[in-house]
PDB file of N, CA and C in Angstrom:
ATOM      1  N   MET A   1      -1.119  64.435   8.396  1.00  0.00           N
ATOM      2  CA  MET A   1      -0.152  63.113   8.381  1.00  0.00           C
ATOM      3  C   MET A   1      -0.903  61.808   8.678  1.00  0.00           C
ATOM      4  N   VAL A   2      -0.571  61.114   7.722  1.00  0.00           N
ATOM      5  CA  VAL A   2      -1.037  59.691   7.611  1.00  0.00           C
ATOM      6  C   VAL A   2      -0.007  58.859   8.192  1.00  0.00           C
ATOM      7  N   ASN A   3      -0.493  58.008   9.120  1.00  0.00           N
ATOM      8  CA  ASN A   3       0.539  57.120   9.931  1.00  0.00           C
ATOM      9  C   ASN A   3      -0.124  55.492   9.762  1.00  0.00           C
ATOM     10  N   VAL A   4       0.456  54.538   8.932  1.00  0.00           N
ATOM     11  CA  VAL A   4      -0.091  53.284   8.499  1.00  0.00           C
ATOM     12  C   VAL A   4       0.731  52.310   8.948  1.00  0.00           C
ATOM     13  N   PRO A   5       0.346  51.149   9.840  1.00  0.00           N
ATOM     14  CA  PRO A   5       1.066  50.273  10.273  1.00  0.00           C
ATOM     15  C   PRO A   5       1.576  49.274   9.489  1.00  0.00           C
ATOM     16  N   LYS A   6       2.757  48.831   9.581  1.00  0.00           N
ATOM     17  CA  LYS A   6       3.671  47.880   8.777  1.00  0.00           C
ATOM     18  C   LYS A   6       2.757  46.305   8.390  1.00  0.00           C
ATOM     19  N   GLU A   7       1.770  46.142   9.184  1.00  0.00           N
ATOM     20  CA  GLU A   7       1.090  44.856   9.014  1.00  0.00           C
ATOM     21  C   GLU A   7      -0.357  45.080   9.057  1.00  0.00           C
ATOM     22  N   ARG A   8      -1.135  44.376   8.036  1.00  0.00           N
ATOM     23  CA  ARG A   8      -2.672  44.698   8.186  1.00  0.00           C
ATOM     24  C   ARG A   8      -3.443  43.382   7.869  1.00  0.00           C
ATOM     25  N   ARG A   9      -4.415  43.151   8.519  1.00  0.00           N
ATOM     26  CA  ARG A   9      -4.992  41.779   8.173  1.00  0.00           C
ATOM     27  C   ARG A   9      -6.298  42.323   7.135  1.00  0.00           C
ATOM     28  N   THR A  10      -6.075  41.790   6.029  1.00  0.00           N
ATOM     29  CA  THR A  10      -6.910  42.304   5.110  1.00  0.00           C
ATOM     30  C   THR A  10      -7.228  41.005   4.134  1.00  0.00           C
ATOM     31  N   TYR A  11      -8.379  41.145   3.141  1.00  0.00           N
ATOM     32  CA  TYR A  11      -8.984  39.804   2.279  1.00  0.00           C
ATOM     33  C   TYR A  11      -7.674  39.791   1.021  1.00  0.00           C
ATOM     34  N   CYS A  12      -7.330  38.301   1.185  1.00  0.00           N
ATOM     35  CA  CYS A  12      -6.615  38.067   0.092  1.00  0.00           C
ATOM     36  C   CYS A  12      -7.188  37.293  -0.801  1.00  0.00           C
ATOM     37  N   ALA A  13      -7.088  37.826  -2.226  1.00  0.00           N
ATOM     38  CA  ALA A  13      -8.200  37.281  -3.489  1.00  0.00           C
ATOM     39  C   ALA A  13      -7.564  36.122  -4.094  1.00  0.00           C
ATOM     40  N   SER A  14      -6.467  35.585  -3.651  1.00  0.00           N
ATOM     41  CA  SER A  14      -5.652  34.620  -4.431  1.00  0.00           C
ATOM     42  C   SER A  14      -6.332  33.374  -4.369  1.00  0.00           C
ATOM     43  N   SER A  15      -6.405  32.439  -5.194  1.00  0.00           N
ATOM     44  CA  SER A  15      -6.928  31.190  -5.302  1.00  0.00           C
ATOM     45  C   SER A  15      -6.593  30.232  -4.026  1.00  0.00           C
ATOM     46  N   LYS A  16      -5.162  30.561  -3.511  1.00  0.00           N
ATOM     47  CA  LYS A  16      -4.835  29.617  -2.453  1.00  0.00           C
ATOM     48  C   LYS A  16      -5.636  30.171  -1.130  1.00  0.00           C
ATOM     49  N   CYS A  17      -5.556  31.452  -1.035  1.00  0.00           N
ATOM     50  CA  CYS A  17      -6.252  31.797   0.267  1.00  0.00           C
ATOM     51  C   CYS A  17      -7.816  31.981   0.263  1.00  0.00           C
ATOM     52  N   LYS A  18      -8.182  33.035  -0.427  1.00  0.00           N
ATOM     53  CA  LYS A  18      -9.783  33.673  -0.484  1.00  0.00           C
ATOM     54  C   LYS A  18     -10.101  33.661   1.075  1.00  0.00           C
ATOM     55  N   LYS A  19      -9.651  34.327   1.758  1.00  0.00           N
ATOM     56  CA  LYS A  19      -9.838  34.600   2.947  1.00  0.00           C
ATOM     57  C   LYS A  19      -8.959  35.727   3.735  1.00  0.00           C
ATOM     58  N   HIS A  20      -9.539  36.301   4.910  1.00  0.00           N
ATOM     59  CA  HIS A  20      -8.602  37.529   5.498  1.00  0.00           C
ATOM     60  C   HIS A  20      -7.191  36.873   6.015  1.00  0.00           C
ATOM     61  N   GLN A  21      -6.013  37.488   5.736  1.00  0.00           N
ATOM     62  CA  GLN A  21      -4.707  37.257   5.877  1.00  0.00           C
ATOM     63  C   GLN A  21      -4.001  38.274   6.410  1.00  0.00           C
ATOM     64  N   VAL A  22      -2.834  38.129   6.982  1.00  0.00           N
ATOM     65  CA  VAL A  22      -1.961  39.381   7.380  1.00  0.00           C
ATOM     66  C   VAL A  22      -1.158  39.529   6.381  1.00  0.00           C
ATOM     67  N   HIS A  23      -1.068  40.778   5.905  1.00  0.00           N
ATOM     68  CA  HIS A  23      -0.370  41.322   4.833  1.00  0.00           C
ATOM     69  C   HIS A  23       0.801  42.211   5.308  1.00  0.00           C
ATOM     70  N   LYS A  24       1.649  42.394   4.578  1.00  0.00           N
ATOM     71  CA  LYS A  24       3.041  43.104   4.953  1.00  0.00           C
ATOM     72  C   LYS A  24       2.751  44.433   4.116  1.00  0.00           C
ATOM     73  N   VAL A  25       2.778  45.640   4.551  1.00  0.00           N
ATOM     74  CA  VAL A  25       2.417  46.754   3.993  1.00  0.00           C
ATOM     75  C   VAL A  25       3.958  47.717   3.600  1.00  0.00           C
ATOM     76  N   THR A  26       4.078  47.953   2.362  1.00  0.00           N
ATOM     77  CA  THR A  26       4.960  48.789   1.935  1.00  0.00           C
ATOM     78  C   THR A  26       4.430  49.924   0.906  1.00  0.00           C
ATOM     79  N   GLN A  27       5.203  50.906   0.741  1.00  0.00           N
ATOM     80  CA  GLN A  27       4.708  52.121  -0.235  1.00  0.00           C
ATOM     81  C   GLN A  27       5.310  51.857  -1.591  1.00  0.00           C
ATOM     82  N   TYR A  28       4.171  51.987  -2.630  1.00  0.00           N
ATOM     83  CA  TYR A  28       4.545  51.568  -3.970  1.00  0.00           C
ATOM     84  C   TYR A  28       5.553  52.857  -4.449  1.00  0.00           C
ATOM     85  N   LYS A  29       6.548  52.430  -5.311  1.00  0.00           N
ATOM     86  CA  LYS A  29       7.592  53.347  -5.550  1.00  0.00           C
ATOM     87  C   LYS A  29       7.382  52.935  -7.398  1.00  0.00           C
ATOM     88  N   ALA A  30       7.364  53.651  -8.118  1.00  0.00           N
ATOM     89  CA  ALA A  30       7.309  53.470  -9.727  1.00  0.00           C
ATOM     90  C   ALA A  30       8.779  52.999  -9.944  1.00  0.00           C
ATOM     91  N   GLY A  31       8.992  51.985 -10.881  1.00  0.00           N
ATOM     92  CA  GLY A  31      10.185  51.728 -11.351  1.00  0.00           C
ATOM     93  C   GLY A  31      11.045  52.649 -12.391  1.00  0.00           C
ATOM     94  N   LYS A  32      12.357  52.096 -12.674  1.00  0.00           N
ATOM     95  CA  LYS A  32      12.997  53.120 -13.303  1.00  0.00           C
ATOM     96  C   LYS A  32      12.458  52.836 -14.899  1.00  0.00           C
ATOM     97  N   ALA A  33      12.168  53.858 -15.455  1.00  0.00           N
ATOM     98  CA  ALA A  33      11.792  54.016 -17.032  1.00  0.00           C
ATOM     99  C   ALA A  33      12.670  53.486 -17.877  1.00  0.00           C
ATOM    100  N   SER A  34      12.209  52.695 -18.731  1.00  0.00           N
ATOM    101  CA  SER A  34      12.920  51.733 -19.866  1.00  0.00           C
ATOM    102  C   SER A  34      13.217  52.706 -21.054  1.00  0.00           C
ATOM    103  N   ASN A  35      14.666  52.761 -21.266  1.00  0.00           N
ATOM    104  CA  ASN A  35      14.814  53.393 -22.766  1.00  0.00           C
ATOM    105  C   ASN A  35      14.181  52.609 -24.002  1.00  0.00           C
ATOM    106  N   PHE A  36      14.090  51.655 -23.727  1.00  0.00           N
ATOM    107  CA  PHE A  36      13.546  50.953 -25.096  1.00  0.00           C
ATOM    108  C   PHE A  36      11.908  50.773 -25.243  1.00  0.00           C
ATOM    109  N   ALA A  37      11.018  51.378 -24.340  1.00  0.00           N
ATOM    110  CA  ALA A  37       9.625  51.661 -24.462  1.00  0.00           C
ATOM    111  C   ALA A  37       9.407  52.314 -25.906  1.00  0.00           C
ATOM    112  N   GLN A  38       8.261  52.166 -26.302  1.00  0.00           N
ATOM    113  CA  GLN A  38       7.943  52.731 -27.571  1.00  0.00           C
ATOM    114  C   GLN A  38       7.770  54.690 -27.610  1.00  0.00           C
ATOM    115  N   GLY A  39       7.412  54.880 -26.412  1.00  0.00           N
ATOM    116  CA  GLY A  39       7.199  56.114 -26.217  1.00  0.00           C
ATOM    117  C   GLY A  39       8.654  57.018 -26.409  1.00  0.00           C
ATOM    118  N   LYS A  40       9.314  56.253 -25.446  1.00  0.00           N
ATOM    119  CA  LYS A  40      10.788  57.007 -25.303  1.00  0.00           C
ATOM    120  C   LYS A  40      11.608  56.946 -26.534  1.00  0.00           C
ATOM    121  N   ARG A  41      11.573  55.695 -27.328  1.00  0.00           N
ATOM    122  CA  ARG A  41      12.175  55.602 -28.810  1.00  0.00           C
ATOM    123  C   ARG A  41      11.831  56.487 -29.581  1.00  0.00           C
ATOM    124  N   ARG A  42      10.404  57.079 -29.690  1.00  0.00           N
ATOM    125  CA  ARG A  42       9.754  57.763 -30.474  1.00  0.00           C
ATOM    126  C   ARG A  42      10.285  59.018 -30.110  1.00  0.00           C
ATOM    127  N   TYR A  43      10.287  59.540 -28.778  1.00  0.00           N
ATOM    128  CA  TYR A  43      10.479  61.018 -28.522  1.00  0.00           C
ATOM    129  C   TYR A  43      12.094  61.099 -28.719  1.00  0.00           C
ATOM    130  N   ASP A  44      12.993  60.165 -28.411  1.00  0.00           N
ATOM    131  CA  ASP A  44      14.360  60.515 -28.505  1.00  0.00           C
ATOM    132  C   ASP A  44      14.764  60.510 -30.162  1.00  0.00           C
ATOM    133  N   SER A  45      13.723  59.868 -31.132  1.00  0.00           N
ATOM    134  CA  SER A  45      14.071  59.832 -32.549  1.00  0.00           C
ATOM    135  C   SER A  45      13.374  61.227 -32.980  1.00  0.00           C
ATOM    136  N   LYS A  46      12.494  61.819 -32.446  1.00  0.00           N
ATOM    137  CA  LYS A  46      11.946  63.136 -32.770  1.00  0.00           C
ATOM    138  C   LYS A  46      12.953  64.099 -32.412  1.00  0.00           C
ATOM    139  N   GLN A  47      13.835  63.915 -31.314  1.00  0.00           N
ATOM    140  CA  GLN A  47      14.384  64.975 -30.753  1.00  0.00           C
ATOM    141  C   GLN A  47      15.725  65.113 -31.637  1.00  0.00           C
ATOM    142  N   MET A  48      16.324  64.404 -32.250  1.00  0.00           N
ATOM    143  CA  MET A  48      17.566  64.073 -32.784  1.00  0.00           C
ATOM    144  C   MET A  48      17.692  65.329 -33.764  1.00  0.00           C
ATOM    145  N   GLY A  49      18.695  65.821 -33.945  1.00  0.00           N
ATOM    146  CA  GLY A  49      19.114  66.600 -34.943  1.00  0.00           C
ATOM    147  C   GLY A  49      18.722  68.179 -34.562  1.00  0.00           C
ATOM    148  N   PHE A  50      18.514  69.131 -35.615  1.00  0.00           N
ATOM    149  CA  PHE A  50      18.381  70.280 -35.133  1.00  0.00           C
ATOM    150  C   PHE A  50      16.852  70.542 -34.937  1.00  0.00           C
ATOM    151  N   GLY A  51      16.576  72.017 -34.261  1.00  0.00           N
ATOM    152  CA  GLY A  51      15.110  72.025 -34.331  1.00  0.00           C
ATOM    153  C   GLY A  51      14.952  72.200 -32.895  1.00  0.00           C
ATOM    154  N   GLY A  52      15.841  72.135 -31.783  1.00  0.00           N
ATOM    155  CA  GLY A  52      15.134  72.280 -30.531  1.00  0.00           C
ATOM    156  C   GLY A  52      14.178  71.369 -29.741  1.00  0.00           C
ATOM    157  N   GLN A  53      13.506  71.929 -28.991  1.00  0.00           N
ATOM    158  CA  GLN A  53      12.588  70.859 -28.425  1.00  0.00           C
ATOM    159  C   GLN A  53      11.613  71.021 -29.025  1.00  0.00           C
ATOM    160  N   THR A  54      10.953  69.590 -29.366  1.00  0.00           N
ATOM    161  CA  THR A  54       9.908  69.197 -29.921  1.00  0.00           C
ATOM    162  C   THR A  54       8.520  69.107 -29.570  1.00  0.00           C
ATOM    163  N   LYS A  55       8.390  68.704 -28.550  1.00  0.00           N
ATOM    164  CA  LYS A  55       7.260  68.589 -27.658  1.00  0.00           C
ATOM    165  C   LYS A  55       7.218  69.140 -26.434  1.00  0.00           C
ATOM    166  N   PRO A  56       5.870  69.656 -26.125  1.00  0.00           N
ATOM    167  CA  PRO A  56       5.795  70.457 -24.968  1.00  0.00           C
ATOM    168  C   PRO A  56       6.473  69.831 -23.567  1.00  0.00           C
ATOM    169  N   VAL A  57       6.787  71.014 -22.798  1.00  0.00           N
ATOM    170  CA  VAL A  57       7.540  70.506 -21.447  1.00  0.00           C
ATOM    171  C   VAL A  57       6.464  70.909 -20.222  1.00  0.00           C
ATOM    172  N   PHE A  58       6.012  70.309 -19.611  1.00  0.00           N
ATOM    173  CA  PHE A  58       4.865  70.828 -18.391  1.00  0.00           C
ATOM    174  C   PHE A  58       5.419  71.508 -17.266  1.00  0.00           C
ATOM    175  N   HIS A  59       5.050  72.873 -17.290  1.00  0.00           N
ATOM    176  CA  HIS A  59       5.391  73.761 -16.175  1.00  0.00           C
ATOM    177  C   HIS A  59       4.315  74.191 -15.263  1.00  0.00           C
ATOM    178  N   LYS A  60       2.778  74.040 -15.463  1.00  0.00           N
ATOM    179  CA  LYS A  60       1.816  74.161 -14.831  1.00  0.00           C
ATOM    180  C   LYS A  60       1.454  73.396 -13.967  1.00  0.00           C
ATOM    181  N   LYS A  61       2.433  73.003 -12.850  1.00  0.00           N
ATOM    182  CA  LYS A  61       2.253  72.044 -11.871  1.00  0.00           C
ATOM    183  C   LYS A  61       1.167  72.950 -10.802  1.00  0.00           C
ATOM    184  N   ALA A  62      -0.111  72.131 -10.385  1.00  0.00           N
ATOM    185  CA  ALA A  62      -1.100  72.812  -9.532  1.00  0.00           C
ATOM    186  C   ALA A  62      -1.104  72.006  -8.313  1.00  0.00           C
ATOM    187  N   LYS A  63      -0.812  70.687  -8.483  1.00  0.00           N
ATOM    188  CA  LYS A  63      -1.060  69.897  -7.116  1.00  0.00           C
ATOM    189  C   LYS A  63       0.102  69.973  -6.280  1.00  0.00           C
ATOM    190  N   THR A  64      -0.288  69.925  -4.995  1.00  0.00           N
ATOM    191  CA  THR A  64       0.757  70.034  -4.012  1.00  0.00           C
ATOM    192  C   THR A  64       1.063  68.860  -2.972  1.00  0.00           C
ATOM    193  N   THR A  65       0.091  67.655  -3.542  1.00  0.00           N
ATOM    194  CA  THR A  65      -0.254  66.627  -2.533  1.00  0.00           C
ATOM    195  C   THR A  65       0.121  65.288  -3.737  1.00  0.00           C
ATOM    196  N   ARG A  66       0.310  64.146  -3.261  1.00  0.00           N
ATOM    197  CA  ARG A  66       0.377  62.943  -4.001  1.00  0.00           C
ATOM    198  C   ARG A  66      -0.773  61.728  -3.359  1.00  0.00           C
ATOM    199  N   LYS A  67      -1.324  61.010  -4.308  1.00  0.00           N
ATOM    200  CA  LYS A  67      -1.906  59.856  -3.687  1.00  0.00           C
ATOM    201  C   LYS A  67      -1.078  58.846  -3.450  1.00  0.00           C
ATOM    202  N   ILE A  68      -1.293  58.156  -2.258  1.00  0.00           N
ATOM    203  CA  ILE A  68      -0.555  57.303  -1.621  1.00  0.00           C
ATOM    204  C   ILE A  68      -1.009  55.903  -2.284  1.00  0.00           C
ATOM    205  N   VAL A  69       0.014  55.076  -2.729  1.00  0.00           N
ATOM    206  CA  VAL A  69      -0.302  53.843  -3.044  1.00  0.00           C
ATOM    207  C   VAL A  69       0.400  52.849  -1.987  1.00  0.00           C
ATOM    208  N   LEU A  70      -0.273  51.995  -1.754  1.00  0.00           N
ATOM    209  CA  LEU A  70      -0.008  50.987  -0.541  1.00  0.00           C
ATOM    210  C   LEU A  70       0.176  49.602  -1.364  1.00  0.00           C
ATOM    211  N   ARG A  71       1.411  48.887  -1.123  1.00  0.00           N
ATOM    212  CA  ARG A  71       1.721  47.448  -1.793  1.00  0.00           C
ATOM    213  C   ARG A  71       1.435  46.616  -0.701  1.00  0.00           C
ATOM    214  N   LEU A  72       0.368  45.768  -0.568  1.00  0.00           N
ATOM    215  CA  LEU A  72      -0.187  44.702   0.274  1.00  0.00           C
ATOM    216  C   LEU A  72       0.647  43.277  -0.247  1.00  0.00           C
ATOM    217  N   GLU A  73       1.417  42.752   0.607  1.00  0.00           N
ATOM    218  CA  GLU A  73       1.834  41.307   0.156  1.00  0.00           C
ATOM    219  C   GLU A  73       1.491  40.155   1.153  1.00  0.00           C
ATOM    220  N   CYS A  74       0.516  39.296   0.797  1.00  0.00           N
ATOM    221  CA  CYS A  74       0.095  38.131   1.834  1.00  0.00           C
ATOM    222  C   CYS A  74       1.277  37.412   2.102  1.00  0.00           C
ATOM    223  N   LYS A  75       1.221  37.136   3.667  1.00  0.00           N
ATOM    224  CA  LYS A  75       2.257  36.667   4.241  1.00  0.00           C
ATOM    225  C   LYS A  75       2.272  35.055   3.976  1.00  0.00           C
ATOM    226  N   LYS A  76       1.103  34.525   3.651  1.00  0.00           N
ATOM    227  CA  LYS A  76       1.011  33.170   3.349  1.00  0.00           C
ATOM    228  C   LYS A  76       1.645  32.859   2.015  1.00  0.00           C
ATOM    229  N   CYS A  77       0.873  33.317   1.075  1.00  0.00           N
ATOM    230  CA  CYS A  77       1.021  33.270  -0.468  1.00  0.00           C
ATOM    231  C   CYS A  77       1.859  33.901  -1.238  1.00  0.00           C
ATOM    232  N   LYS A  78       2.105  35.099  -0.596  1.00  0.00           N
ATOM    233  CA  LYS A  78       3.143  35.976  -1.388  1.00  0.00           C
ATOM    234  C   LYS A  78       2.538  37.188  -2.451  1.00  0.00           C
ATOM    235  N   THR A  79       1.109  36.735  -2.726  1.00  0.00           N
ATOM    236  CA  THR A  79       0.492  37.493  -3.687  1.00  0.00           C
ATOM    237  C   THR A  79       0.352  39.095  -3.238  1.00  0.00           C
ATOM    238  N   ARG A  80       0.672  39.802  -4.212  1.00  0.00           N
ATOM    239  CA  ARG A  80       0.577  41.220  -4.051  1.00  0.00           C
ATOM    240  C   ARG A  80      -0.481  41.746  -4.526  1.00  0.00           C
ATOM    241  N   LYS A  81      -0.805  42.982  -3.744  1.00  0.00           N
ATOM    242  CA  LYS A  81      -2.076  43.831  -4.485  1.00  0.00           C
ATOM    243  C   LYS A  81      -1.657  45.356  -4.008  1.00  0.00           C
ATOM    244  N   GLN A  82      -2.541  46.177  -4.700  1.00  0.00           N
ATOM    245  CA  GLN A  82      -2.123  47.536  -4.659  1.00  0.00           C
ATOM    246  C   GLN A  82      -3.603  48.267  -3.928  1.00  0.00           C
ATOM    247  N   LEU A  83      -3.371  49.040  -2.940  1.00  0.00           N
ATOM    248  CA  LEU A  83      -4.247  49.921  -2.435  1.00  0.00           C
ATOM    249  C   LEU A  83      -4.059  51.297  -2.593  1.00  0.00           C
ATOM    250  N   VAL A  84      -4.896  52.195  -2.825  1.00  0.00           N
ATOM    251  CA  VAL A  84      -4.882  53.668  -3.319  1.00  0.00           C
ATOM    252  C   VAL A  84      -5.216  54.319  -1.618  1.00  0.00           C
ATOM    253  N   LEU A  85      -4.577  55.135  -1.212  1.00  0.00           N
ATOM    254  CA  LEU A  85      -5.205  56.077  -0.277  1.00  0.00           C
ATOM    255  C   LEU A  85      -5.656  57.501  -0.641  1.00  0.00           C
ATOM    256  N   LYS A  86      -5.896  58.257   0.079  1.00  0.00           N
ATOM    257  CA  LYS A  86      -6.410  59.501  -0.362  1.00  0.00           C
ATOM    258  C   LYS A  86      -5.130  60.501  -0.261  1.00  0.00           C
ATOM    259  N   ARG A  87      -5.228  61.668  -0.946  1.00  0.00           N
ATOM    260  CA  ARG A  87      -4.013  62.459  -1.246  1.00  0.00           C
ATOM    261  C   ARG A  87      -3.702  63.038   0.141  1.00  0.00           C
ATOM    262  N   THR A  88      -2.193  63.005   0.520  1.00  0.00           N
ATOM    263  CA  THR A  88      -1.765  63.740   1.780  1.00  0.00           C
ATOM    264  C   THR A  88      -0.417  64.097   1.567  1.00  0.00           C
ATOM    265  N   LYS A  89      -0.018  65.169   1.954  1.00  0.00           N
ATOM    266  CA  LYS A  89       1.671  65.742   1.932  1.00  0.00           C
ATOM    267  C   LYS A  89       2.451  64.825   2.767  1.00  0.00           C
ATOM    268  N   HIS A  90       2.205  64.595   3.977  1.00  0.00           N
ATOM    269  CA  HIS A  90       3.047  63.540   4.862  1.00  0.00           C
ATOM    270  C   HIS A  90       2.449  62.257   5.015  1.00  0.00           C
ATOM    271  N   PHE A  91       3.428  61.237   4.809  1.00  0.00           N
ATOM    272  CA  PHE A  91       3.277  59.937   4.855  1.00  0.00           C
ATOM    273  C   PHE A  91       3.856  59.169   5.679  1.00  0.00           C
ATOM    274  N   GLU A  92       3.521  58.476   6.860  1.00  0.00           N
ATOM    275  CA  GLU A  92       4.397  57.560   7.623  1.00  0.00           C
ATOM    276  C   GLU A  92       4.212  56.074   7.541  1.00  0.00           C
ATOM    277  N   LEU A  93       5.249  55.176   7.504  1.00  0.00           N
ATOM    278  CA  LEU A  93       4.711  53.779   7.602  1.00  0.00           C
ATOM    279  C   LEU A  93       5.423  53.078   8.778  1.00  0.00           C
ATOM    280  N   GLY A  94       4.286  52.745   9.756  1.00  0.00           N
ATOM    281  CA  GLY A  94       4.796  52.020  10.955  1.00  0.00           C
ATOM    282  C   GLY A  94       5.502  53.028  11.945  1.00  0.00           C
ATOM    283  N   ALA A  95       5.140  54.366  12.068  1.00  0.00           N
ATOM    284  CA  ALA A  95       5.924  55.199  13.081  1.00  0.00           C
ATOM    285  C   ALA A  95       5.090  54.970  14.368  1.00  0.00           C
ATOM    286  N   LYS A  96       5.773  55.184  15.603  1.00  0.00           N
ATOM    287  CA  LYS A  96       5.511  55.065  16.828  1.00  0.00           C
ATOM    288  C   LYS A  96       4.463  56.334  17.294  1.00  0.00           C
ATOM    289  N   LYS A  97       3.357  55.923  17.816  1.00  0.00           N
ATOM    290  CA  LYS A  97       2.213  56.931  17.996  1.00  0.00           C
ATOM    291  C   LYS A  97       2.706  58.138  19.324  1.00  0.00           C
ATOM    292  N   GLU A  98       2.963  59.198  19.231  1.00  0.00           N
ATOM    293  CA  GLU A  98       3.032  60.018  20.107  1.00  0.00           C
ATOM    294  C   GLU A  98       2.208  60.293  21.407  1.00  0.00           C
ATOM    295  N   ALA A  99       2.480  60.090  22.757  1.00  0.00           N
ATOM    296  CA  ALA A  99       1.158  60.188  23.659  1.00  0.00           C
ATOM    297  C   ALA A  99       0.714  61.527  23.624  1.00  0.00           C
ATOM    298  N   ALA A 100      -0.617  61.996  23.680  1.00  0.00           N
ATOM    299  CA  ALA A 100      -1.028  63.167  23.864  1.00  0.00           C
ATOM    300  C   ALA A 100      -0.853  63.843  25.169  1.00  0.00           C
ATOM    301  N   GLY A 101      -0.690  65.179  25.117  1.00  0.00           N
ATOM    302  CA  GLY A 101      -0.594  65.890  26.713  1.00  0.00           C
ATOM    303  C   GLY A 101       0.850  66.071  26.842  1.00  0.00           C
ATOM    304  N   HIS A 102       0.997  66.535  28.134  1.00  0.00           N
ATOM    305  CA  HIS A 102       2.476  67.003  28.484  1.00  0.00           C
ATOM    306  C   HIS A 102       3.279  65.539  29.241  1.00  0.00           C
ATOM    307  N   GLN A 103       4.546  65.851  28.427  1.00  0.00           N
ATOM    308  CA  GLN A 103       5.550  64.804  28.849  1.00  0.00           C
ATOM    309  C   GLN A 103       6.341  65.402  29.675  1.00  0.00           C
ATOM    310  N   TYR A 104       6.723  64.401  31.021  1.00  0.00           N
ATOM    311  CA  TYR A 104       7.754  64.892  31.919  1.00  0.00           C
ATOM    312  C   TYR A 104       9.067  64.091  31.743  1.00  0.00           C
TER     313      TYR A 104
END
């Protein structure tokens, strides 16, 4: 399980900063796919009419984990950058650490 703090001091490469600053950390999430992208238009046009499924549907999923992508936003200049972490099943952002040992 990976637990990442919600703020991180790291290098900001924008022309305004060019030094280490505090960054706000969020998890990257892919946006909604557009219906007007070239591939989607081609796929829809090919699917029209008779003839069933025209392109292969992927079934052989092998991976059980995902690569975690962090989105870092500089608090000073609002510049954003992305940082890829290793593969993990469980990911937490800013969760409290539980004390080790017996709890009374």
